Each structure stands twice: as structure tokens, then as C-alpha cells.
Amino acid sequence: MSQTAYVAIGANLGDARRAVEGAIESLGRLPHSRLVARSSLYRTAPVDAGGPDFINAVVALDTGLAPLELLAELQALELAAGRERPYRNAPRTLDLDLLIHGDAALDTPVLTLPHPRMSQRAFVLVPLAEIAPGRVSPGDLAAVAGQAIERL
């Protein structure tokens, strides 16, 4: 049985725009998955992180993968893109965050759904609202209105 999953994409090292575009293409080729929507690209300053500005987007996937299977696929794509994790919130060549997976509510050591910090981040909420306006409340958007975000 397939579910709609939302994945946030970000990069701020190397050719970040190319990394995000490549990730969108790769996500559309995941097993038992189909890309059904993609947001515009956005530029944002790092939040709780350092380094250059991020390029961000959010995609919707129709997927037959279970949440932990999808997470493993996302982490494999990050690794293939040269993702390193020298410290928390380090600059990154590619960051893929599973935000929502159908109606799944999980709280495990490796995955929490819905993503626990998505409501605090304009770089997630603004592109998510673009492709799934019913998933983001006006109050959520108002709460992050002070965070700079530029649609590219």
C-alpha cells in the first residue's frame, strides 16, 4: 500500500543547486516510489548551522516503502553525494529529511515522524506549503515569518 511521503532537501557545500536538483531526480527513481510534486528552489541562511546559504526544496513521493526503508534510501543518497557528519548541523553536500510519511507517527532512536522540528523552519514550511498547502497552517507560517527565505 503506497503512502504520500514528504522529503525536505537541502545543500550548502559545493554546487548546492545542482546537488538539490540531482537529489530530486534520484528521489523520483527510488524503488516502489514516484515523484508526484516538487517545490520551487529556495535560498536560506543556515539555521542552527554554519557555512554558506542553503538551497532547499521539498518533494512529495508516492511510495510503497515503509518509513524506515525510505529513510535508509535517503541516507544512501546522502552518502553517495559525499555527505559527512563531522558534527551536529555541519555544512553539507546534501541533506534529505523525511518530514511526513502518510499518517505515520513514530518516535524511535533513528526516526521521528512527523519530523519534530519542521514547524520551526521556514526552509521546510514554505516549500511544503507550496506543494501541500493543507499540511501547513497559517499559524505555522506566521511563526517562521522572521526567517529569511528567497524563492529562486
N, C-alpha and C. Protein backbone atom coordinates (compact mmCIF):
# COMPACT_ATOMS: atom_id res chain seq x y z
N MET A 1 0.85 -1.18 0.00
CA MET A 1 0.00 0.00 0.00
C MET A 1 0.89 1.24 0.00
N SER A 2 0.65 2.13 -0.93
CA SER A 2 1.51 3.31 -1.01
C SER A 2 0.98 4.45 -0.15
N GLN A 3 1.91 5.29 0.26
CA GLN A 3 1.63 6.47 1.07
C GLN A 3 2.27 7.68 0.40
N THR A 4 1.79 8.86 0.76
CA THR A 4 2.48 10.07 0.33
C THR A 4 3.47 10.44 1.41
N ALA A 5 4.72 10.59 0.98
CA ALA A 5 5.79 11.00 1.90
C ALA A 5 6.33 12.33 1.41
N TYR A 6 6.70 13.19 2.34
CA TYR A 6 7.29 14.49 2.02
C TYR A 6 8.73 14.50 2.50
N VAL A 7 9.63 14.91 1.62
CA VAL A 7 11.05 14.91 1.91
C VAL A 7 11.59 16.32 1.69
N ALA A 8 12.28 16.84 2.70
CA ALA A 8 12.96 18.13 2.58
C ALA A 8 14.37 17.87 2.07
N ILE A 9 14.82 18.74 1.16
CA ILE A 9 16.14 18.61 0.53
C ILE A 9 16.89 19.90 0.77
N GLY A 10 18.16 19.78 1.16
CA GLY A 10 18.98 20.97 1.34
C GLY A 10 20.43 20.66 1.07
N ALA A 11 21.17 21.69 0.67
CA ALA A 11 22.62 21.57 0.47
C ALA A 11 23.23 22.96 0.59
N ASN A 12 24.46 23.01 1.12
CA ASN A 12 25.16 24.30 1.16
C ASN A 12 26.66 24.17 0.95
N LEU A 13 27.11 23.04 0.44
CA LEU A 13 28.52 22.88 0.07
C LEU A 13 28.60 22.51 -1.41
N GLY A 14 29.68 22.93 -2.05
CA GLY A 14 29.85 22.61 -3.47
C GLY A 14 28.79 23.31 -4.30
N ASP A 15 28.38 22.67 -5.38
CA ASP A 15 27.32 23.21 -6.24
C ASP A 15 25.98 22.79 -5.64
N ALA A 16 25.51 23.57 -4.67
CA ALA A 16 24.32 23.19 -3.90
C ALA A 16 23.08 23.08 -4.79
N ARG A 17 22.94 23.98 -5.73
CA ARG A 17 21.76 23.93 -6.60
C ARG A 17 21.75 22.63 -7.40
N ARG A 18 22.90 22.27 -7.95
CA ARG A 18 22.98 21.02 -8.73
C ARG A 18 22.72 19.82 -7.83
N ALA A 19 23.23 19.86 -6.60
CA ALA A 19 23.01 18.75 -5.66
C ALA A 19 21.52 18.57 -5.37
N VAL A 20 20.81 19.67 -5.16
CA VAL A 20 19.37 19.58 -4.87
C VAL A 20 18.61 19.08 -6.10
N GLU A 21 18.92 19.62 -7.26
CA GLU A 21 18.25 19.16 -8.49
C GLU A 21 18.52 17.67 -8.74
N GLY A 22 19.79 17.25 -8.52
CA GLY A 22 20.13 15.84 -8.69
C GLY A 22 19.40 14.95 -7.70
N ALA A 23 19.26 15.43 -6.47
CA ALA A 23 18.54 14.66 -5.45
C ALA A 23 17.08 14.49 -5.84
N ILE A 24 16.47 15.55 -6.38
CA ILE A 24 15.07 15.45 -6.81
C ILE A 24 14.93 14.36 -7.86
N GLU A 25 15.85 14.34 -8.83
CA GLU A 25 15.81 13.30 -9.87
C GLU A 25 15.99 11.91 -9.25
N SER A 26 16.95 11.79 -8.33
CA SER A 26 17.21 10.50 -7.69
C SER A 26 16.03 10.01 -6.87
N LEU A 27 15.37 10.93 -6.17
CA LEU A 27 14.20 10.56 -5.38
C LEU A 27 13.10 9.99 -6.27
N GLY A 28 12.97 10.53 -7.46
CA GLY A 28 11.96 10.03 -8.39
C GLY A 28 12.26 8.64 -8.92
N ARG A 29 13.50 8.16 -8.71
CA ARG A 29 13.90 6.83 -9.17
C ARG A 29 14.00 5.81 -8.04
N LEU A 30 13.62 6.18 -6.84
CA LEU A 30 13.68 5.22 -5.73
C LEU A 30 12.75 4.05 -6.00
N PRO A 31 13.10 2.86 -5.49
CA PRO A 31 12.23 1.70 -5.70
C PRO A 31 10.84 1.92 -5.10
N HIS A 32 9.84 1.44 -5.82
CA HIS A 32 8.45 1.48 -5.35
C HIS A 32 8.00 2.90 -5.03
N SER A 33 8.57 3.89 -5.72
CA SER A 33 8.27 5.29 -5.43
C SER A 33 8.13 6.08 -6.72
N ARG A 34 7.34 7.13 -6.62
CA ARG A 34 7.11 8.01 -7.77
C ARG A 34 7.05 9.44 -7.26
N LEU A 35 7.78 10.32 -7.93
CA LEU A 35 7.75 11.75 -7.59
C LEU A 35 6.41 12.31 -8.06
N VAL A 36 5.65 12.91 -7.14
CA VAL A 36 4.34 13.45 -7.52
C VAL A 36 4.28 14.97 -7.45
N ALA A 37 5.21 15.59 -6.74
CA ALA A 37 5.25 17.06 -6.69
C ALA A 37 6.61 17.50 -6.21
N ARG A 38 7.04 18.68 -6.68
CA ARG A 38 8.28 19.28 -6.20
C ARG A 38 8.08 20.77 -6.07
N SER A 39 8.65 21.33 -5.04
CA SER A 39 8.54 22.77 -4.83
C SER A 39 9.53 23.50 -5.71
N SER A 40 9.43 24.81 -5.69
CA SER A 40 10.48 25.65 -6.25
C SER A 40 11.73 25.48 -5.40
N LEU A 41 12.84 26.00 -5.89
CA LEU A 41 14.05 26.05 -5.08
C LEU A 41 14.03 27.33 -4.27
N TYR A 42 14.61 27.27 -3.08
CA TYR A 42 14.66 28.41 -2.18
C TYR A 42 16.08 28.57 -1.66
N ARG A 43 16.47 29.82 -1.41
CA ARG A 43 17.75 30.11 -0.77
C ARG A 43 17.47 30.58 0.65
N THR A 44 18.19 30.00 1.62
CA THR A 44 18.01 30.38 3.02
C THR A 44 19.36 30.43 3.71
N ALA A 45 19.45 31.27 4.72
CA ALA A 45 20.63 31.29 5.58
C ALA A 45 20.60 30.04 6.45
N PRO A 46 21.75 29.54 6.87
CA PRO A 46 21.75 28.38 7.75
C PRO A 46 20.99 28.66 9.06
N VAL A 47 20.24 27.67 9.53
CA VAL A 47 19.54 27.74 10.81
C VAL A 47 20.20 26.73 11.73
N ASP A 48 20.70 27.17 12.86
CA ASP A 48 21.41 26.29 13.80
C ASP A 48 22.57 25.58 13.12
N ALA A 49 23.17 26.23 12.11
CA ALA A 49 24.26 25.62 11.36
C ALA A 49 25.16 26.72 10.83
N GLY A 50 26.31 26.33 10.31
CA GLY A 50 27.23 27.30 9.75
C GLY A 50 27.37 27.11 8.25
N GLY A 51 28.29 27.90 7.67
CA GLY A 51 28.58 27.76 6.26
C GLY A 51 27.77 28.68 5.39
N PRO A 52 27.89 28.49 4.07
CA PRO A 52 27.17 29.34 3.12
C PRO A 52 25.66 29.10 3.16
N ASP A 53 24.92 29.95 2.43
CA ASP A 53 23.47 29.78 2.32
C ASP A 53 23.13 28.39 1.77
N PHE A 54 21.96 27.93 2.16
CA PHE A 54 21.44 26.65 1.67
C PHE A 54 20.55 26.88 0.45
N ILE A 55 20.51 25.87 -0.40
CA ILE A 55 19.47 25.74 -1.42
C ILE A 55 18.55 24.64 -0.88
N ASN A 56 17.24 24.92 -0.86
CA ASN A 56 16.28 23.99 -0.28
C ASN A 56 15.12 23.74 -1.23
N ALA A 57 14.46 22.62 -1.02
CA ALA A 57 13.23 22.27 -1.73
C ALA A 57 12.52 21.20 -0.91
N VAL A 58 11.27 20.92 -1.27
CA VAL A 58 10.52 19.81 -0.69
C VAL A 58 9.84 19.07 -1.83
N VAL A 59 9.85 17.73 -1.74
CA VAL A 59 9.16 16.92 -2.73
C VAL A 59 8.13 16.04 -2.06
N ALA A 60 7.15 15.63 -2.85
CA ALA A 60 6.17 14.63 -2.42
C ALA A 60 6.42 13.37 -3.24
N LEU A 61 6.48 12.26 -2.55
CA LEU A 61 6.65 10.96 -3.19
C LEU A 61 5.45 10.08 -2.88
N ASP A 62 4.97 9.38 -3.89
CA ASP A 62 4.02 8.30 -3.68
C ASP A 62 4.89 7.07 -3.53
N THR A 63 4.94 6.47 -2.34
CA THR A 63 5.90 5.40 -2.10
C THR A 63 5.28 4.18 -1.44
N GLY A 64 5.77 3.05 -1.85
CA GLY A 64 5.40 1.79 -1.22
C GLY A 64 6.40 1.39 -0.16
N LEU A 65 7.45 2.19 0.01
CA LEU A 65 8.46 1.90 1.03
C LEU A 65 7.93 2.28 2.42
N ALA A 66 8.21 1.44 3.39
CA ALA A 66 7.87 1.76 4.78
C ALA A 66 8.79 2.89 5.24
N PRO A 67 8.41 3.61 6.31
CA PRO A 67 9.21 4.76 6.74
C PRO A 67 10.70 4.46 6.93
N LEU A 68 11.05 3.37 7.61
CA LEU A 68 12.47 3.07 7.85
C LEU A 68 13.17 2.65 6.57
N GLU A 69 12.47 2.00 5.65
CA GLU A 69 13.05 1.66 4.35
C GLU A 69 13.34 2.94 3.56
N LEU A 70 12.40 3.87 3.58
CA LEU A 70 12.60 5.13 2.87
C LEU A 70 13.75 5.90 3.50
N LEU A 71 13.83 5.93 4.82
CA LEU A 71 14.94 6.60 5.49
C LEU A 71 16.28 6.01 5.04
N ALA A 72 16.37 4.71 4.95
CA ALA A 72 17.61 4.06 4.52
C ALA A 72 17.98 4.49 3.09
N GLU A 73 16.99 4.60 2.23
CA GLU A 73 17.23 5.06 0.85
C GLU A 73 17.72 6.51 0.84
N LEU A 74 17.12 7.36 1.67
CA LEU A 74 17.54 8.76 1.76
C LEU A 74 18.98 8.86 2.24
N GLN A 75 19.31 8.08 3.25
CA GLN A 75 20.67 8.12 3.78
C GLN A 75 21.68 7.60 2.76
N ALA A 76 21.30 6.62 1.95
CA ALA A 76 22.19 6.12 0.90
C ALA A 76 22.44 7.21 -0.15
N LEU A 77 21.41 7.99 -0.49
CA LEU A 77 21.58 9.09 -1.44
C LEU A 77 22.50 10.16 -0.85
N GLU A 78 22.34 10.47 0.42
CA GLU A 78 23.22 11.44 1.08
C GLU A 78 24.67 10.97 1.02
N LEU A 79 24.89 9.71 1.34
CA LEU A 79 26.23 9.15 1.34
C LEU A 79 26.84 9.19 -0.06
N ALA A 80 26.05 8.86 -1.07
CA ALA A 80 26.52 8.89 -2.46
C ALA A 80 26.89 10.30 -2.89
N ALA A 81 26.27 11.31 -2.27
CA ALA A 81 26.55 12.71 -2.59
C ALA A 81 27.72 13.25 -1.76
N GLY A 82 28.37 12.39 -0.98
CA GLY A 82 29.52 12.82 -0.19
C GLY A 82 29.18 13.41 1.15
N ARG A 83 27.99 13.14 1.65
CA ARG A 83 27.58 13.68 2.95
C ARG A 83 28.48 13.15 4.05
N GLU A 84 29.00 14.06 4.84
CA GLU A 84 29.76 13.71 6.03
C GLU A 84 29.06 14.33 7.22
N ARG A 85 29.23 13.74 8.38
CA ARG A 85 28.60 14.22 9.60
C ARG A 85 29.65 14.41 10.69
N PRO A 86 30.59 15.38 10.48
CA PRO A 86 31.65 15.55 11.47
C PRO A 86 31.13 16.09 12.81
N TYR A 87 30.03 16.84 12.78
CA TYR A 87 29.40 17.35 14.00
C TYR A 87 27.97 17.74 13.65
N ARG A 88 27.14 17.90 14.69
CA ARG A 88 25.73 18.22 14.50
C ARG A 88 25.58 19.52 13.72
N ASN A 89 24.71 19.50 12.71
CA ASN A 89 24.39 20.66 11.88
C ASN A 89 25.59 21.19 11.11
N ALA A 90 26.53 20.33 10.77
CA ALA A 90 27.68 20.74 9.95
C ALA A 90 27.18 21.11 8.55
N PRO A 91 27.92 21.98 7.84
CA PRO A 91 27.58 22.22 6.43
C PRO A 91 27.52 20.88 5.69
N ARG A 92 26.71 20.83 4.63
CA ARG A 92 26.52 19.53 3.99
C ARG A 92 26.36 19.62 2.48
N THR A 93 26.86 18.56 1.83
CA THR A 93 26.71 18.45 0.38
C THR A 93 25.28 18.09 0.02
N LEU A 94 24.59 17.37 0.92
CA LEU A 94 23.20 17.01 0.68
C LEU A 94 22.57 16.59 2.01
N ASP A 95 21.38 17.08 2.25
CA ASP A 95 20.62 16.73 3.44
C ASP A 95 19.22 16.36 2.99
N LEU A 96 18.78 15.16 3.33
CA LEU A 96 17.44 14.69 2.99
C LEU A 96 16.74 14.32 4.29
N ASP A 97 15.66 15.04 4.60
CA ASP A 97 14.91 14.79 5.83
C ASP A 97 13.51 14.29 5.49
N LEU A 98 13.16 13.13 6.03
CA LEU A 98 11.81 12.61 5.90
C LEU A 98 10.93 13.39 6.86
N LEU A 99 10.00 14.16 6.31
CA LEU A 99 9.15 15.04 7.12
C LEU A 99 7.88 14.33 7.58
N ILE A 100 7.21 13.71 6.62
CA ILE A 100 5.90 13.10 6.84
C ILE A 100 5.84 11.84 5.98
N HIS A 101 5.27 10.78 6.52
CA HIS A 101 5.07 9.54 5.76
C HIS A 101 3.64 9.09 6.02
N GLY A 102 2.74 9.47 5.11
CA GLY A 102 1.33 9.16 5.31
C GLY A 102 0.85 9.70 6.64
N ASP A 103 0.19 8.85 7.41
CA ASP A 103 -0.28 9.23 8.74
C ASP A 103 0.61 8.65 9.84
N ALA A 104 1.80 8.17 9.45
CA ALA A 104 2.68 7.51 10.42
C ALA A 104 3.10 8.47 11.53
N ALA A 105 3.04 7.96 12.75
CA ALA A 105 3.55 8.67 13.92
C ALA A 105 4.56 7.74 14.57
N LEU A 106 5.83 8.11 14.48
CA LEU A 106 6.91 7.29 15.01
C LEU A 106 7.77 8.11 15.95
N ASP A 107 8.32 7.46 16.95
CA ASP A 107 9.31 8.10 17.80
C ASP A 107 10.30 7.02 18.20
N THR A 108 11.29 6.81 17.33
CA THR A 108 12.31 5.80 17.58
C THR A 108 13.67 6.49 17.64
N PRO A 109 14.71 5.80 18.08
CA PRO A 109 16.04 6.41 18.12
C PRO A 109 16.54 6.88 16.75
N VAL A 110 16.05 6.27 15.66
CA VAL A 110 16.54 6.63 14.32
C VAL A 110 15.58 7.50 13.51
N LEU A 111 14.30 7.52 13.88
CA LEU A 111 13.34 8.28 13.08
C LEU A 111 12.16 8.72 13.94
N THR A 112 11.84 10.01 13.82
CA THR A 112 10.65 10.57 14.45
C THR A 112 9.78 11.17 13.35
N LEU A 113 8.53 10.76 13.32
CA LEU A 113 7.57 11.28 12.34
C LEU A 113 6.31 11.72 13.05
N PRO A 114 5.72 12.83 12.63
CA PRO A 114 6.28 13.81 11.71
C PRO A 114 7.60 14.38 12.25
N HIS A 115 8.40 14.95 11.35
CA HIS A 115 9.71 15.49 11.74
C HIS A 115 9.52 16.47 12.88
N PRO A 116 10.27 16.30 13.98
CA PRO A 116 10.00 17.08 15.19
C PRO A 116 10.28 18.58 15.10
N ARG A 117 11.13 19.01 14.16
CA ARG A 117 11.48 20.44 14.10
C ARG A 117 10.96 21.13 12.84
N MET A 118 10.16 20.44 12.05
CA MET A 118 9.73 21.05 10.78
C MET A 118 8.91 22.32 10.99
N SER A 119 8.15 22.40 12.06
CA SER A 119 7.31 23.58 12.27
C SER A 119 8.11 24.80 12.70
N GLN A 120 9.41 24.63 12.95
CA GLN A 120 10.26 25.76 13.36
C GLN A 120 11.10 26.31 12.21
N ARG A 121 10.92 25.78 11.01
CA ARG A 121 11.84 26.08 9.92
C ARG A 121 11.13 26.57 8.67
N ALA A 122 11.38 27.82 8.32
CA ALA A 122 10.80 28.37 7.09
C ALA A 122 11.27 27.59 5.87
N PHE A 123 12.51 27.10 5.88
CA PHE A 123 13.04 26.39 4.71
C PHE A 123 12.35 25.06 4.48
N VAL A 124 11.57 24.60 5.45
CA VAL A 124 10.73 23.42 5.28
C VAL A 124 9.28 23.83 5.00
N LEU A 125 8.76 24.73 5.83
CA LEU A 125 7.33 25.06 5.75
C LEU A 125 6.94 25.79 4.47
N VAL A 126 7.78 26.72 4.02
CA VAL A 126 7.41 27.50 2.82
C VAL A 126 7.34 26.60 1.58
N PRO A 127 8.38 25.78 1.30
CA PRO A 127 8.25 24.89 0.14
C PRO A 127 7.19 23.80 0.33
N LEU A 128 6.99 23.33 1.56
CA LEU A 128 5.94 22.34 1.81
C LEU A 128 4.57 22.95 1.53
N ALA A 129 4.36 24.18 1.97
CA ALA A 129 3.08 24.86 1.73
C ALA A 129 2.84 25.06 0.24
N GLU A 130 3.91 25.21 -0.53
CA GLU A 130 3.76 25.39 -1.98
C GLU A 130 3.16 24.15 -2.64
N ILE A 131 3.58 22.95 -2.19
CA ILE A 131 3.11 21.72 -2.85
C ILE A 131 2.01 21.01 -2.08
N ALA A 132 1.84 21.34 -0.81
CA ALA A 132 0.81 20.68 0.02
C ALA A 132 0.26 21.69 1.02
N PRO A 133 -0.50 22.68 0.53
CA PRO A 133 -0.95 23.75 1.42
C PRO A 133 -1.78 23.26 2.60
N GLY A 134 -2.44 22.14 2.48
CA GLY A 134 -3.23 21.60 3.58
C GLY A 134 -2.39 21.06 4.73
N ARG A 135 -1.10 20.89 4.49
CA ARG A 135 -0.19 20.34 5.51
C ARG A 135 0.45 21.42 6.38
N VAL A 136 0.23 22.70 6.03
CA VAL A 136 0.87 23.80 6.74
C VAL A 136 -0.19 24.83 7.11
N SER A 137 -0.28 25.14 8.39
CA SER A 137 -1.29 26.10 8.83
C SER A 137 -0.76 27.53 8.70
N PRO A 138 -1.67 28.51 8.57
CA PRO A 138 -1.23 29.91 8.56
C PRO A 138 -0.45 30.28 9.83
N GLY A 139 -0.82 29.68 10.96
CA GLY A 139 -0.10 29.94 12.21
C GLY A 139 1.34 29.44 12.15
N ASP A 140 1.53 28.27 11.52
CA ASP A 140 2.89 27.74 11.36
C ASP A 140 3.73 28.70 10.52
N LEU A 141 3.15 29.18 9.41
CA LEU A 141 3.89 30.10 8.54
C LEU A 141 4.17 31.42 9.26
N ALA A 142 3.22 31.91 10.03
CA ALA A 142 3.42 33.16 10.77
C ALA A 142 4.56 33.01 11.79
N ALA A 143 4.67 31.82 12.38
CA ALA A 143 5.69 31.59 13.40
C ALA A 143 7.11 31.65 12.84
N VAL A 144 7.26 31.41 11.54
CA VAL A 144 8.61 31.43 10.92
C VAL A 144 8.80 32.62 9.99
N ALA A 145 7.87 33.55 10.05
CA ALA A 145 7.90 34.69 9.12
C ALA A 145 9.17 35.54 9.25
N GLY A 146 9.81 35.49 10.40
CA GLY A 146 11.03 36.27 10.60
C GLY A 146 12.27 35.64 10.00
N GLN A 147 12.18 34.41 9.50
CA GLN A 147 13.33 33.73 8.89
C GLN A 147 13.40 34.08 7.42
N ALA A 148 14.57 34.57 6.99
CA ALA A 148 14.74 34.97 5.60
C ALA A 148 14.73 33.76 4.68
N ILE A 149 13.91 33.85 3.61
CA ILE A 149 13.83 32.79 2.61
C ILE A 149 13.53 33.45 1.27
N GLU A 150 14.25 33.04 0.25
CA GLU A 150 14.10 33.64 -1.08
C GLU A 150 13.79 32.54 -2.10
N ARG A 151 12.67 32.69 -2.80
CA ARG A 151 12.33 31.75 -3.86
C ARG A 151 13.19 32.04 -5.08
N LEU A 152 13.80 31.01 -5.62
CA LEU A 152 14.67 31.19 -6.79
C LEU A 152 13.93 30.97 -8.09
